[in-house]
Structures are given as structure tokens and as C-alpha cells.
N, C-alpha and C. Protein backbone atom coordinates (compact mmCIF):
# COMPACT_ATOMS: atom_id res chain seq x y z
N MET A 1 0.85 -1.16 -0.36
CA MET A 1 0.20 -0.32 0.16
C MET A 1 0.85 1.32 -0.45
N ASN A 2 0.21 2.20 -0.78
CA ASN A 2 1.20 3.78 -0.55
C ASN A 2 0.59 4.50 0.27
N LYS A 3 1.52 5.38 0.68
CA LYS A 3 1.26 6.69 1.61
C LYS A 3 0.14 7.39 1.75
N HIS A 4 -0.79 7.18 0.41
CA HIS A 4 -2.41 7.70 0.54
C HIS A 4 -2.97 6.40 0.82
N SER A 5 -3.03 5.39 1.40
CA SER A 5 -3.87 4.20 1.48
C SER A 5 -4.46 4.84 2.86
N ALA A 6 -5.76 4.13 2.66
CA ALA A 6 -6.62 4.11 4.15
C ALA A 6 -7.32 3.66 4.23
N ASN A 7 -7.71 2.79 5.56
CA ASN A 7 -8.33 1.78 5.94
C ASN A 7 -9.98 2.09 6.60
N LEU A 8 -10.90 1.25 6.58
CA LEU A 8 -12.45 1.61 7.22
C LEU A 8 -12.09 0.40 7.97
N SER A 9 -12.16 0.17 8.97
CA SER A 9 -12.41 -0.91 9.55
C SER A 9 -13.81 -1.46 10.41
N ALA A 10 -14.73 0.23 10.84
CA ALA A 10 -16.27 -0.43 11.74
C ALA A 10 -17.38 -0.04 10.85
N THR A 11 -18.16 -0.29 10.74
CA THR A 11 -18.99 -0.07 10.21
C THR A 11 -19.34 1.24 9.54
N VAL A 12 -20.02 1.65 8.44
CA VAL A 12 -20.09 3.03 8.12
C VAL A 12 -21.56 3.56 8.46
N SER A 13 -21.54 4.33 9.38
CA SER A 13 -22.85 4.73 10.18
C SER A 13 -23.67 5.71 9.74
N SER A 14 -22.81 6.65 8.54
CA SER A 14 -23.19 7.84 7.88
C SER A 14 -22.40 7.93 7.14
N ALA A 15 -22.96 8.68 5.91
CA ALA A 15 -22.24 9.54 4.63
C ALA A 15 -21.30 10.51 4.81
N PHE A 16 -20.13 9.97 4.11
CA PHE A 16 -19.14 10.80 4.14
C PHE A 16 -18.51 10.83 3.09
N GLN A 17 -17.85 11.93 2.43
CA GLN A 17 -17.24 12.20 0.61
C GLN A 17 -15.42 12.20 1.41
N MET A 18 -14.94 12.02 0.48
CA MET A 18 -13.80 11.85 0.63
C MET A 18 -12.91 12.02 -0.60
N GLY A 19 -11.81 12.84 -1.06
CA GLY A 19 -11.05 13.08 -2.00
C GLY A 19 -9.54 11.91 -1.74
N LEU A 20 -9.56 11.60 -3.11
CA LEU A 20 -8.25 10.34 -3.25
C LEU A 20 -7.61 10.89 -4.16
N PRO A 21 -6.27 11.17 -4.01
CA PRO A 21 -5.05 11.32 -4.99
C PRO A 21 -5.00 10.01 -6.11
N ALA A 22 -4.76 10.72 -7.08
CA ALA A 22 -4.31 9.69 -8.13
C ALA A 22 -3.17 8.16 -7.57
N HIS A 23 -3.79 7.26 -7.74
CA HIS A 23 -2.94 6.30 -7.52
C HIS A 23 -3.42 5.60 -5.78
N ALA A 24 -4.14 6.49 -5.13
CA ALA A 24 -4.71 6.09 -3.58
C ALA A 24 -5.36 4.96 -3.62
N VAL A 25 -5.23 4.52 -2.45
CA VAL A 25 -6.08 3.13 -2.00
C VAL A 25 -6.58 3.18 -0.92
N TYR A 26 -8.07 2.87 -0.98
CA TYR A 26 -9.20 3.06 0.28
C TYR A 26 -9.70 1.88 0.33
N SER A 27 -9.78 1.27 1.62
CA SER A 27 -9.93 0.13 1.94
C SER A 27 -11.01 -0.02 2.83
N VAL A 28 -12.10 -0.99 2.65
CA VAL A 28 -13.52 -0.96 3.42
C VAL A 28 -13.66 -2.26 3.55
N GLY A 29 -13.78 -2.64 5.37
CA GLY A 29 -13.42 -3.73 5.96
C GLY A 29 -14.69 -4.69 5.20
N ASP A 30 -15.44 -4.72 4.99
CA ASP A 30 -17.06 -5.25 5.38
C ASP A 30 -17.73 -4.56 4.14
N ALA A 31 -17.71 -4.60 2.59
CA ALA A 31 -18.49 -3.84 1.46
C ALA A 31 -19.49 -4.49 1.45
N SER A 32 -20.17 -5.17 2.12
CA SER A 32 -21.81 -5.32 2.16
C SER A 32 -22.30 -4.46 2.77
N ASP A 33 -21.89 -3.71 3.86
CA ASP A 33 -22.59 -2.25 4.70
C ASP A 33 -22.31 -1.23 4.01
N VAL A 34 -21.64 -0.97 2.95
CA VAL A 34 -21.86 0.40 2.18
C VAL A 34 -22.08 0.35 0.87
N ARG A 35 -22.61 1.48 -0.05
CA ARG A 35 -22.13 2.40 -1.26
C ARG A 35 -21.31 3.00 -1.46
N ILE A 36 -20.96 2.56 -2.54
CA ILE A 36 -19.96 3.75 -2.85
C ILE A 36 -19.86 4.28 -4.81
N THR A 37 -19.96 5.90 -4.24
CA THR A 37 -20.66 6.05 -5.62
C THR A 37 -19.05 7.47 -5.85
N CYS A 38 -19.12 7.40 -7.03
CA CYS A 38 -18.04 8.09 -7.67
C CYS A 38 -18.30 9.31 -7.91
N ARG A 39 -17.85 10.57 -7.29
CA ARG A 39 -17.96 11.75 -7.43
C ARG A 39 -17.58 12.53 -8.74
N SER A 40 -16.03 11.73 -8.65
CA SER A 40 -14.90 12.81 -9.83
C SER A 40 -14.64 11.66 -10.10
N GLY A 41 -13.57 12.21 -11.26
CA GLY A 41 -12.55 11.41 -11.85
C GLY A 41 -12.88 9.80 -11.71
N SER A 42 -12.34 8.58 -11.64
CA SER A 42 -12.55 7.48 -12.03
C SER A 42 -12.08 6.43 -10.66
N VAL A 43 -12.89 5.64 -10.82
CA VAL A 43 -11.85 4.65 -9.45
C VAL A 43 -12.11 3.32 -9.59
N TRP A 44 -10.59 2.27 -9.38
CA TRP A 44 -11.53 0.92 -9.67
C TRP A 44 -11.88 -0.04 -8.22
N ILE A 45 -12.55 -0.91 -8.29
CA ILE A 45 -12.91 -1.45 -7.09
C ILE A 45 -12.98 -2.66 -7.37
N THR A 46 -12.11 -3.37 -5.99
CA THR A 46 -11.77 -5.04 -6.78
C THR A 46 -12.55 -5.35 -4.79
N LEU A 47 -13.27 -6.28 -4.89
CA LEU A 47 -13.29 -7.49 -3.69
C LEU A 47 -12.36 -8.45 -3.67
N ASP A 48 -12.15 -8.77 -2.32
CA ASP A 48 -11.62 -9.71 -2.18
C ASP A 48 -12.28 -11.33 -2.18
N ASP A 49 -10.79 -12.08 -3.23
CA ASP A 49 -11.55 -13.29 -3.67
C ASP A 49 -12.58 -13.02 -4.51
N ASP A 50 -12.81 -12.09 -5.23
CA ASP A 50 -13.66 -12.14 -6.78
C ASP A 50 -13.00 -12.24 -7.72
N PRO A 51 -13.04 -12.62 -8.60
CA PRO A 51 -12.15 -12.19 -10.31
C PRO A 51 -12.77 -11.09 -11.41
N VAL A 52 -14.30 -10.73 -10.34
CA VAL A 52 -14.62 -9.58 -11.43
C VAL A 52 -14.70 -8.81 -10.40
N ASP A 53 -13.72 -7.26 -11.18
CA ASP A 53 -14.00 -5.96 -10.40
C ASP A 53 -14.31 -4.80 -11.51
N THR A 54 -14.26 -3.83 -10.91
CA THR A 54 -14.99 -2.78 -10.98
C THR A 54 -14.89 -1.45 -11.43
N VAL A 55 -15.12 -0.71 -12.11
CA VAL A 55 -14.53 0.84 -12.30
C VAL A 55 -15.79 1.44 -12.75
N LEU A 56 -15.85 2.48 -12.06
CA LEU A 56 -16.79 3.52 -11.54
C LEU A 56 -16.28 5.08 -12.23
N ALA A 57 -17.23 5.80 -12.99
CA ALA A 57 -17.15 6.92 -13.74
C ALA A 57 -17.73 7.91 -12.75
N PRO A 58 -18.09 8.50 -13.05
CA PRO A 58 -18.75 9.89 -12.12
C PRO A 58 -20.30 9.50 -12.33
N GLY A 59 -20.77 9.78 -10.85
CA GLY A 59 -22.44 9.27 -10.91
C GLY A 59 -22.47 8.04 -10.76
N GLU A 60 -21.58 6.94 -10.99
CA GLU A 60 -21.56 5.73 -10.67
C GLU A 60 -21.64 5.20 -9.28
N GLN A 61 -23.09 3.87 -9.28
CA GLN A 61 -22.63 3.56 -7.44
C GLN A 61 -22.10 1.84 -7.61
N PHE A 62 -21.43 1.50 -6.87
CA PHE A 62 -21.22 0.12 -6.51
C PHE A 62 -21.67 0.14 -4.81
N THR A 63 -22.53 -1.48 -5.16
CA THR A 63 -22.82 -1.69 -4.19
C THR A 63 -22.74 -3.84 -4.10
N THR A 64 -22.55 -4.38 -3.10
CA THR A 64 -22.39 -6.20 -3.57
C THR A 64 -23.16 -6.66 -1.70
N PRO A 65 -24.05 -7.88 -2.02
CA PRO A 65 -24.31 -7.96 -1.01
C PRO A 65 -23.37 -9.21 -0.14
N LEU A 66 -21.67 -9.06 -0.84
CA LEU A 66 -20.58 -9.99 -0.41
C LEU A 66 -20.08 -9.51 0.68
N HIS A 67 -19.94 -10.33 1.68
CA HIS A 67 -19.32 -9.66 3.18
C HIS A 67 -17.66 -9.63 2.78
N ARG A 68 -16.62 -9.21 2.04
CA ARG A 68 -15.43 -8.76 1.60
C ARG A 68 -15.15 -7.85 2.01
N ARG A 69 -13.63 -7.36 1.73
CA ARG A 69 -12.69 -6.40 2.07
C ARG A 69 -13.33 -5.68 0.56
N ALA A 70 -13.00 -4.14 0.41
CA ALA A 70 -13.27 -3.68 -1.22
C ALA A 70 -11.98 -2.93 -0.68
N LEU A 71 -10.91 -2.79 -2.05
CA LEU A 71 -10.21 -1.75 -2.41
C LEU A 71 -10.66 -0.99 -3.82
N VAL A 72 -10.53 0.32 -3.08
CA VAL A 72 -10.81 0.93 -3.75
C VAL A 72 -9.98 1.88 -3.81
N SER A 73 -9.13 1.80 -5.83
CA SER A 73 -8.06 2.58 -5.90
C SER A 73 -8.53 3.99 -7.01
N ALA A 74 -8.32 5.02 -6.51
CA ALA A 74 -8.01 6.06 -7.74
C ALA A 74 -7.25 6.00 -9.12
N LEU A 75 -7.84 5.51 -9.96
CA LEU A 75 -7.39 5.68 -11.59
C LEU A 75 -6.76 7.15 -11.43
N GLU A 76 -7.30 8.25 -10.71
CA GLU A 76 -6.74 9.64 -11.14
C GLU A 76 -7.44 10.58 -9.84
N ALA A 77 -7.15 11.61 -9.71
CA ALA A 77 -7.65 12.57 -8.83
C ALA A 77 -9.29 12.16 -8.85
N SER A 78 -9.66 11.39 -7.54
CA SER A 78 -11.08 11.15 -7.41
C SER A 78 -11.75 11.83 -5.70
N CYS A 79 -13.20 11.63 -6.34
CA CYS A 79 -13.48 11.98 -4.99
C CYS A 79 -14.48 11.11 -5.44
N ILE A 80 -14.93 10.37 -3.82
CA ILE A 80 -16.56 9.33 -3.67
C ILE A 80 -16.84 9.74 -2.65
N ALA A 81 -18.14 8.96 -2.54
CA ALA A 81 -18.53 9.20 -1.62
C ALA A 81 -19.14 7.84 -0.82
N VAL A 82 -19.13 7.25 0.33
CA VAL A 82 -19.27 6.09 1.19
C VAL A 82 -20.28 6.88 2.03
N ALA A 83 -21.45 5.66 2.05
CA ALA A 83 -22.33 5.89 2.74
C ALA A 83 -23.15 4.11 3.32
N PRO A 84 -23.53 3.94 3.93
CA PRO A 84 -24.32 2.73 4.73
C PRO A 84 -25.11 2.41 3.13
N ALA A 85 -24.70 1.10 3.23
CA ALA A 85 -26.18 0.38 2.42
C ALA A 85 -27.56 0.49 2.36
N VAL A 86 -27.95 1.55 2.01
CA VAL A 86 -29.29 1.94 2.27
C VAL A 86 -30.37 1.06 1.69
N GLU A 87 -30.15 0.21 0.78
CA GLU A 87 -31.12 -0.97 0.43
C GLU A 87 -31.54 -2.30 1.77
N ARG A 88 -30.09 -2.34 2.30
CA ARG A 88 -30.44 -3.53 3.18
C ARG A 88 -30.80 -2.71 4.57
N SER A 89 -30.96 -0.77 5.17
CA SER A 89 -31.84 -0.48 6.55
C SER A 89 -33.18 -0.55 5.79
N VAL A 90 -33.63 -0.04 4.27
CA VAL A 90 -34.70 0.26 4.29
C VAL A 90 -35.32 -1.16 4.11
N ALA A 91 -34.73 -2.29 3.60
CA ALA A 91 -35.49 -3.56 3.80
C ALA A 91 -35.70 -4.02 5.37
N ARG A 92 -34.67 -3.83 5.95
CA ARG A 92 -34.86 -4.13 7.29
C ARG A 92 -36.21 -3.22 8.36
N GLN A 93 -36.23 -2.37 8.18
CA GLN A 93 -37.66 -1.55 8.42
C GLN A 93 -38.63 -1.55 7.89
N ALA A 94 -38.61 -2.09 6.31
CA ALA A 94 -40.15 -2.74 6.10
C ALA A 94 -40.24 -4.52 6.36
N ALA A 95 -39.04 -5.25 6.48
CA ALA A 95 -39.44 -6.11 7.22
C ALA A 95 -40.27 -6.12 8.77
N SER A 96 -39.61 -4.96 9.34
CA SER A 96 -39.98 -5.14 11.00
C SER A 96 -41.04 -4.12 10.89
N ALA A 97 -41.83 -3.53 9.90
CA ALA A 97 -43.38 -2.86 9.86
C ALA A 97 -44.35 -3.40 9.67
N TYR A 98 -43.74 -4.54 8.62
CA TYR A 98 -44.63 -5.54 8.00
C TYR A 98 -44.68 -6.74 8.40
N ARG A 99 -44.64 -6.92 9.51
CA ARG A 99 -43.98 -8.71 10.19
C ARG A 99 -45.56 -9.25 10.05
N THR A 100 -45.78 -10.59 9.71
CA THR A 100 -47.07 -11.00 9.62
C THR A 100 -45.82 -12.25 10.80
N PRO A 101 -47.42 -12.64 11.48
CA PRO A 101 -47.40 -14.07 12.41
C PRO A 101 -46.56 -15.00 11.66
N ALA A 102 -46.08 -15.70 12.13
CA ALA A 102 -45.31 -16.97 12.01
C ALA A 102 -46.27 -18.00 11.64
N LEU A 103 -45.98 -18.86 11.05
CA LEU A 103 -46.60 -20.14 10.12
C LEU A 103 -46.51 -21.18 10.57
N HIS A 104 -47.29 -21.92 11.35
CA HIS A 104 -46.24 -23.38 11.42
C HIS A 104 -46.98 -24.54 10.80
N LEU A 105 -46.21 -25.72 10.82
CA LEU A 105 -46.96 -26.85 10.11
C LEU A 105 -48.16 -27.77 10.93
N ARG A 106 -47.94 -27.30 12.02
CA ARG A 106 -49.24 -27.93 13.02
C ARG A 106 -50.19 -27.33 12.66
N ASP A 107 -49.97 -25.70 12.04
CA ASP A 107 -51.30 -25.65 11.76
C ASP A 107 -52.39 -25.77 10.36
N PHE A 108 -51.51 -26.47 9.49
CA PHE A 108 -52.36 -26.73 8.68
C PHE A 108 -52.48 -28.75 8.58
N LEU A 109 -52.15 -29.26 9.44
CA LEU A 109 -52.36 -30.91 9.87
C LEU A 109 -54.11 -30.97 10.20
N PRO A 110 -54.56 -31.80 10.11
CA PRO A 110 -56.28 -32.63 10.74
C PRO A 110 -55.75 -32.60 12.10
N ALA A 111 -56.74 -32.08 12.94
CA ALA A 111 -56.82 -32.56 14.15
C ALA A 111 -56.53 -33.60 15.04
């Protein structure tokens, strides 16, 4: 890693933006918990043990359901936004708001 490397090991609880100089690397400990948006420049995102990499241009976003470390590499001077994975929190809220009673097999068997 170079002198511009950073590391995020905690869960992202609020959105933030950061500038990355060209060739800087930003590490996200668990990429399933975040949404990464390229605001300017271009970034290359790779997940541990995943053969598929992603390049983002301004306005493009990256999310993954995989619990893996992500490395965000600036291909040029770039700005990224990092935020909690909204889809996950919205899904949790919806599930808790519309919870249905549990169904058991015994409810369908003849008495």
C-alpha cells in the first residue's frame, strides 16, 4: 500500500465524501455494509477473492451483498462518497413494519 492508503474497519454509520489523489487506495473492511459512489475522476473497485472488478465513472455507484473487503483505487484524482447500504436498512425497516405472524406446520395438519 502507498502513503495515501486508508482503512475503514468499522461499519459505516453515516455518509461522508473523501478525495483520493491518483493511485491512492481506500480499504473498506466489509463492503456489504456500504454504497460507494464516484463523484469525480474514476475509481477501480476490487473485492477479496472475487475475479470481477468494477470501474466507476462520475455518478456511478457500487454495492455488493458479499461480506468481503473492498479496495477502492483512484485511477486519477477522484472524489468518492461512502454511505451505509440504503437498500439493506430500508429492507430491514420494511420487514419490521410489516411482520406477519409465524406459520407452523401444525396449523395445517388435521386435528
